[in-house]
Amino acid sequence: MSLQISMEMERNTLIIRLEGELDHHTSEKVRDKIEAEVDKGIINNLVFNLEKLSFMDSSGLGMMLGRYKKIRQLDGKMSICSVQSSVYKIFELSGMFKILSVYDTEADAINALGVA
């Protein structure tokens, strides 16, 4: 299965919706698309909606950690929402929840960033 990426701006927040599998084949594509948007200089925050993400490996974790570091350097925030149970376990085992906030819904994640 491949990966579908959709992105939407809500004020100064980029919402990234991933569907399919985030692995070493697709992580670079996601990173490049996000970087292109962040480099425009109008994004302060990132929200990853993982509702339709069925699989993620360490490459996906690395990509997300890299985006977290980049957005923090810009004094922004990043959160994730709607995480499937199989992907949730990967985040939990990796310790990513110690640095990333996770929310049940996209609206909750956006509100927590103070955007709405």
N, C-alpha and C. Protein backbone atom coordinates (compact mmCIF):
# COMPACT_ATOMS: atom_id res chain seq x y z
N MET A 1 0.84 -1.19 0.00
CA MET A 1 0.00 0.00 0.00
C MET A 1 0.88 1.25 0.00
N SER A 2 0.41 2.27 -0.64
CA SER A 2 1.16 3.51 -0.71
C SER A 2 0.68 4.49 0.37
N LEU A 3 1.15 5.70 0.26
CA LEU A 3 0.80 6.73 1.22
C LEU A 3 0.16 7.91 0.49
N GLN A 4 -0.94 8.36 1.03
CA GLN A 4 -1.61 9.56 0.52
C GLN A 4 -1.37 10.68 1.54
N ILE A 5 -1.00 11.85 1.04
CA ILE A 5 -0.73 13.00 1.90
C ILE A 5 -1.67 14.12 1.49
N SER A 6 -2.38 14.66 2.47
CA SER A 6 -3.14 15.88 2.20
C SER A 6 -2.77 16.90 3.27
N MET A 7 -2.69 18.15 2.85
CA MET A 7 -2.31 19.21 3.78
C MET A 7 -3.28 20.37 3.63
N GLU A 8 -3.50 21.03 4.77
CA GLU A 8 -4.41 22.16 4.80
C GLU A 8 -3.89 23.17 5.81
N MET A 9 -4.01 24.43 5.47
CA MET A 9 -3.61 25.50 6.39
C MET A 9 -4.83 25.96 7.17
N GLU A 10 -4.66 26.13 8.45
CA GLU A 10 -5.67 26.78 9.28
C GLU A 10 -4.93 27.82 10.10
N ARG A 11 -5.12 29.06 9.72
CA ARG A 11 -4.35 30.19 10.24
C ARG A 11 -2.86 29.89 10.07
N ASN A 12 -2.11 29.79 11.15
CA ASN A 12 -0.66 29.57 11.03
C ASN A 12 -0.27 28.12 11.31
N THR A 13 -1.24 27.21 11.16
CA THR A 13 -1.00 25.79 11.44
C THR A 13 -1.19 24.97 10.18
N LEU A 14 -0.21 24.10 9.91
CA LEU A 14 -0.31 23.17 8.80
C LEU A 14 -0.84 21.84 9.34
N ILE A 15 -1.96 21.41 8.79
CA ILE A 15 -2.56 20.13 9.18
C ILE A 15 -2.18 19.12 8.11
N ILE A 16 -1.51 18.06 8.55
CA ILE A 16 -1.04 17.02 7.64
C ILE A 16 -1.84 15.76 7.91
N ARG A 17 -2.54 15.28 6.90
CA ARG A 17 -3.33 14.05 7.04
C ARG A 17 -2.66 12.96 6.21
N LEU A 18 -2.32 11.86 6.90
CA LEU A 18 -1.62 10.75 6.24
C LEU A 18 -2.53 9.54 6.18
N GLU A 19 -2.55 8.90 5.01
CA GLU A 19 -3.38 7.71 4.82
C GLU A 19 -2.53 6.63 4.15
N GLY A 20 -2.47 5.47 4.78
CA GLY A 20 -1.69 4.36 4.22
C GLY A 20 -0.54 3.98 5.12
N GLU A 21 0.65 3.84 4.51
CA GLU A 21 1.83 3.36 5.24
C GLU A 21 2.96 4.38 5.17
N LEU A 22 3.46 4.75 6.34
CA LEU A 22 4.58 5.68 6.44
C LEU A 22 5.82 4.87 6.80
N ASP A 23 6.68 4.67 5.79
CA ASP A 23 7.87 3.84 6.00
C ASP A 23 9.06 4.47 5.29
N HIS A 24 10.14 3.72 5.16
CA HIS A 24 11.35 4.28 4.54
C HIS A 24 11.14 4.67 3.08
N HIS A 25 10.12 4.11 2.43
CA HIS A 25 9.84 4.47 1.04
C HIS A 25 9.08 5.79 0.93
N THR A 26 8.31 6.13 1.95
CA THR A 26 7.42 7.29 1.85
C THR A 26 7.80 8.45 2.77
N SER A 27 8.64 8.22 3.76
CA SER A 27 8.98 9.26 4.73
C SER A 27 9.64 10.48 4.10
N GLU A 28 10.52 10.25 3.14
CA GLU A 28 11.22 11.36 2.50
C GLU A 28 10.25 12.26 1.74
N LYS A 29 9.28 11.64 1.08
CA LYS A 29 8.26 12.40 0.34
C LYS A 29 7.47 13.30 1.29
N VAL A 30 7.08 12.76 2.43
CA VAL A 30 6.33 13.54 3.42
C VAL A 30 7.20 14.68 3.94
N ARG A 31 8.43 14.36 4.30
CA ARG A 31 9.35 15.37 4.81
C ARG A 31 9.51 16.52 3.81
N ASP A 32 9.74 16.18 2.56
CA ASP A 32 9.95 17.20 1.54
C ASP A 32 8.74 18.10 1.36
N LYS A 33 7.54 17.52 1.37
CA LYS A 33 6.31 18.32 1.21
C LYS A 33 6.12 19.27 2.40
N ILE A 34 6.37 18.77 3.59
CA ILE A 34 6.21 19.61 4.78
C ILE A 34 7.27 20.71 4.78
N GLU A 35 8.51 20.36 4.48
CA GLU A 35 9.59 21.34 4.44
C GLU A 35 9.28 22.47 3.47
N ALA A 36 8.73 22.13 2.30
CA ALA A 36 8.39 23.14 1.31
C ALA A 36 7.39 24.14 1.87
N GLU A 37 6.45 23.67 2.65
CA GLU A 37 5.44 24.56 3.25
C GLU A 37 6.05 25.37 4.40
N VAL A 38 6.81 24.72 5.25
CA VAL A 38 7.42 25.41 6.40
C VAL A 38 8.38 26.50 5.91
N ASP A 39 9.11 26.22 4.84
CA ASP A 39 10.08 27.17 4.31
C ASP A 39 9.45 28.44 3.76
N LYS A 40 8.15 28.43 3.55
CA LYS A 40 7.46 29.64 3.09
C LYS A 40 7.38 30.71 4.18
N GLY A 41 7.59 30.27 5.44
CA GLY A 41 7.66 31.22 6.54
C GLY A 41 6.34 31.65 7.14
N ILE A 42 5.26 30.97 6.82
CA ILE A 42 3.96 31.37 7.37
C ILE A 42 3.39 30.34 8.35
N ILE A 43 4.12 29.26 8.57
CA ILE A 43 3.65 28.18 9.45
C ILE A 43 4.38 28.25 10.79
N ASN A 44 3.58 28.24 11.86
CA ASN A 44 4.14 28.20 13.20
C ASN A 44 3.96 26.83 13.86
N ASN A 45 2.91 26.11 13.45
CA ASN A 45 2.55 24.87 14.12
C ASN A 45 2.24 23.77 13.11
N LEU A 46 2.40 22.52 13.58
CA LEU A 46 2.07 21.35 12.77
C LEU A 46 1.12 20.45 13.55
N VAL A 47 0.13 19.91 12.86
CA VAL A 47 -0.75 18.88 13.41
C VAL A 47 -0.72 17.71 12.44
N PHE A 48 -0.36 16.54 12.94
CA PHE A 48 -0.40 15.32 12.15
C PHE A 48 -1.67 14.56 12.51
N ASN A 49 -2.57 14.42 11.55
CA ASN A 49 -3.77 13.61 11.74
C ASN A 49 -3.46 12.22 11.18
N LEU A 50 -3.44 11.23 12.07
CA LEU A 50 -3.03 9.87 11.70
C LEU A 50 -4.20 8.90 11.69
N GLU A 51 -5.39 9.44 11.54
CA GLU A 51 -6.61 8.62 11.58
C GLU A 51 -6.58 7.48 10.57
N LYS A 52 -6.03 7.73 9.40
CA LYS A 52 -6.03 6.72 8.33
C LYS A 52 -4.65 6.14 8.07
N LEU A 53 -3.73 6.37 8.99
CA LEU A 53 -2.39 5.79 8.86
C LEU A 53 -2.42 4.39 9.45
N SER A 54 -2.17 3.40 8.61
CA SER A 54 -2.29 2.00 9.05
C SER A 54 -0.98 1.40 9.52
N PHE A 55 0.15 2.00 9.11
CA PHE A 55 1.46 1.45 9.47
C PHE A 55 2.48 2.57 9.51
N MET A 56 3.41 2.45 10.46
CA MET A 56 4.53 3.38 10.52
C MET A 56 5.73 2.64 11.09
N ASP A 57 6.91 2.86 10.49
CA ASP A 57 8.12 2.25 11.02
C ASP A 57 9.03 3.34 11.59
N SER A 58 10.26 2.96 11.90
CA SER A 58 11.20 3.91 12.53
C SER A 58 11.53 5.09 11.61
N SER A 59 11.45 4.89 10.31
CA SER A 59 11.67 6.01 9.38
C SER A 59 10.60 7.08 9.55
N GLY A 60 9.38 6.64 9.76
CA GLY A 60 8.28 7.57 10.01
C GLY A 60 8.48 8.32 11.32
N LEU A 61 8.91 7.59 12.34
CA LEU A 61 9.21 8.24 13.63
C LEU A 61 10.31 9.27 13.47
N GLY A 62 11.35 8.92 12.73
CA GLY A 62 12.46 9.84 12.50
C GLY A 62 12.02 11.08 11.76
N MET A 63 11.16 10.91 10.76
CA MET A 63 10.66 12.04 10.00
C MET A 63 9.86 12.97 10.93
N MET A 64 9.02 12.39 11.76
CA MET A 64 8.21 13.20 12.67
C MET A 64 9.08 13.91 13.70
N LEU A 65 10.07 13.22 14.22
CA LEU A 65 10.98 13.84 15.19
C LEU A 65 11.73 15.01 14.54
N GLY A 66 12.14 14.83 13.31
CA GLY A 66 12.82 15.91 12.59
C GLY A 66 11.92 17.12 12.39
N ARG A 67 10.64 16.89 12.05
CA ARG A 67 9.70 18.00 11.89
C ARG A 67 9.44 18.68 13.22
N TYR A 68 9.39 17.89 14.29
CA TYR A 68 9.21 18.45 15.63
C TYR A 68 10.37 19.39 15.97
N LYS A 69 11.59 18.92 15.74
CA LYS A 69 12.77 19.74 16.04
C LYS A 69 12.78 21.02 15.21
N LYS A 70 12.43 20.91 13.94
CA LYS A 70 12.44 22.08 13.06
C LYS A 70 11.40 23.10 13.50
N ILE A 71 10.20 22.64 13.81
CA ILE A 71 9.13 23.58 14.17
C ILE A 71 9.41 24.20 15.55
N ARG A 72 10.07 23.46 16.42
CA ARG A 72 10.45 24.01 17.74
C ARG A 72 11.52 25.10 17.58
N GLN A 73 12.43 24.92 16.63
CA GLN A 73 13.45 25.94 16.35
C GLN A 73 12.81 27.23 15.88
N LEU A 74 11.63 27.12 15.30
CA LEU A 74 10.89 28.28 14.82
C LEU A 74 9.91 28.79 15.87
N ASP A 75 10.07 28.31 17.12
CA ASP A 75 9.19 28.65 18.24
C ASP A 75 7.75 28.21 18.01
N GLY A 76 7.58 27.13 17.28
CA GLY A 76 6.25 26.59 17.03
C GLY A 76 5.97 25.35 17.86
N LYS A 77 4.80 24.80 17.64
CA LYS A 77 4.37 23.60 18.36
C LYS A 77 3.92 22.54 17.37
N MET A 78 3.95 21.30 17.82
CA MET A 78 3.51 20.18 16.99
C MET A 78 2.71 19.21 17.85
N SER A 79 1.66 18.67 17.28
CA SER A 79 0.88 17.65 17.97
C SER A 79 0.38 16.62 16.96
N ILE A 80 -0.10 15.51 17.49
CA ILE A 80 -0.66 14.46 16.65
C ILE A 80 -2.06 14.14 17.16
N CYS A 81 -2.88 13.57 16.28
CA CYS A 81 -4.24 13.22 16.69
C CYS A 81 -4.74 12.00 15.93
N SER A 82 -5.80 11.44 16.48
CA SER A 82 -6.54 10.34 15.84
C SER A 82 -5.62 9.17 15.47
N VAL A 83 -4.81 8.73 16.42
CA VAL A 83 -3.81 7.69 16.15
C VAL A 83 -4.42 6.30 16.27
N GLN A 84 -4.23 5.49 15.21
CA GLN A 84 -4.68 4.10 15.22
C GLN A 84 -3.90 3.31 16.28
N SER A 85 -4.50 2.26 16.81
CA SER A 85 -3.87 1.51 17.90
C SER A 85 -2.51 0.92 17.53
N SER A 86 -2.35 0.41 16.32
CA SER A 86 -1.06 -0.18 15.92
C SER A 86 0.04 0.88 15.85
N VAL A 87 -0.30 2.07 15.38
CA VAL A 87 0.67 3.16 15.29
C VAL A 87 0.90 3.76 16.67
N TYR A 88 -0.13 3.78 17.48
CA TYR A 88 -0.03 4.31 18.84
C TYR A 88 1.05 3.55 19.62
N LYS A 89 1.08 2.24 19.46
CA LYS A 89 2.06 1.41 20.16
C LYS A 89 3.49 1.80 19.80
N ILE A 90 3.72 2.13 18.54
CA ILE A 90 5.06 2.53 18.09
C ILE A 90 5.47 3.84 18.78
N PHE A 91 4.54 4.79 18.83
CA PHE A 91 4.81 6.05 19.52
C PHE A 91 5.10 5.81 21.00
N GLU A 92 4.31 4.95 21.59
CA GLU A 92 4.46 4.65 23.02
C GLU A 92 5.81 4.00 23.32
N LEU A 93 6.17 3.00 22.55
CA LEU A 93 7.44 2.29 22.76
C LEU A 93 8.65 3.18 22.51
N SER A 94 8.52 4.11 21.59
CA SER A 94 9.64 4.98 21.24
C SER A 94 9.84 6.11 22.25
N GLY A 95 8.84 6.37 23.07
CA GLY A 95 8.93 7.47 24.02
C GLY A 95 8.54 8.82 23.42
N MET A 96 8.00 8.82 22.21
CA MET A 96 7.63 10.08 21.55
C MET A 96 6.54 10.85 22.31
N PHE A 97 5.73 10.15 23.06
CA PHE A 97 4.67 10.84 23.81
C PHE A 97 5.23 11.70 24.94
N LYS A 98 6.51 11.52 25.23
CA LYS A 98 7.14 12.39 26.24
C LYS A 98 7.37 13.79 25.69
N ILE A 99 7.46 13.90 24.36
CA ILE A 99 7.69 15.22 23.77
C ILE A 99 6.51 15.71 22.93
N LEU A 100 5.69 14.79 22.43
CA LEU A 100 4.55 15.16 21.59
C LEU A 100 3.24 14.97 22.33
N SER A 101 2.35 15.91 22.15
CA SER A 101 1.01 15.77 22.70
C SER A 101 0.14 15.04 21.69
N VAL A 102 -0.71 14.15 22.20
CA VAL A 102 -1.62 13.39 21.34
C VAL A 102 -3.05 13.71 21.75
N TYR A 103 -3.91 13.87 20.75
CA TYR A 103 -5.30 14.24 20.98
C TYR A 103 -6.22 13.28 20.23
N ASP A 104 -7.44 13.16 20.72
CA ASP A 104 -8.40 12.25 20.10
C ASP A 104 -8.87 12.75 18.74
N THR A 105 -9.04 14.06 18.61
CA THR A 105 -9.57 14.60 17.37
C THR A 105 -8.67 15.73 16.84
N GLU A 106 -8.85 15.99 15.56
CA GLU A 106 -8.10 17.07 14.92
C GLU A 106 -8.47 18.42 15.56
N ALA A 107 -9.76 18.60 15.83
CA ALA A 107 -10.20 19.87 16.45
C ALA A 107 -9.54 20.08 17.81
N ASP A 108 -9.44 19.00 18.59
CA ASP A 108 -8.78 19.11 19.91
C ASP A 108 -7.32 19.49 19.75
N ALA A 109 -6.65 18.89 18.76
CA ALA A 109 -5.22 19.18 18.55
C ALA A 109 -5.02 20.63 18.12
N ILE A 110 -5.89 21.12 17.25
CA ILE A 110 -5.78 22.51 16.80
C ILE A 110 -6.08 23.47 17.94
N ASN A 111 -7.12 23.19 18.69
CA ASN A 111 -7.47 24.05 19.84
C ASN A 111 -6.36 24.11 20.86
N ALA A 112 -5.69 22.99 21.11
CA ALA A 112 -4.61 22.93 22.08
C ALA A 112 -3.41 23.80 21.67
N LEU A 113 -3.27 24.02 20.38
CA LEU A 113 -2.19 24.86 19.89
C LEU A 113 -2.54 26.35 19.97
N GLY A 114 -3.77 26.63 20.35
CA GLY A 114 -4.19 28.02 20.48
C GLY A 114 -4.48 28.70 19.16
N VAL A 115 -4.84 27.93 18.17
CA VAL A 115 -5.08 28.46 16.83
C VAL A 115 -6.54 28.89 16.66
N ALA A 116 -7.46 28.10 17.19
CA ALA A 116 -8.89 28.35 16.94
C ALA A 116 -9.41 29.54 17.71
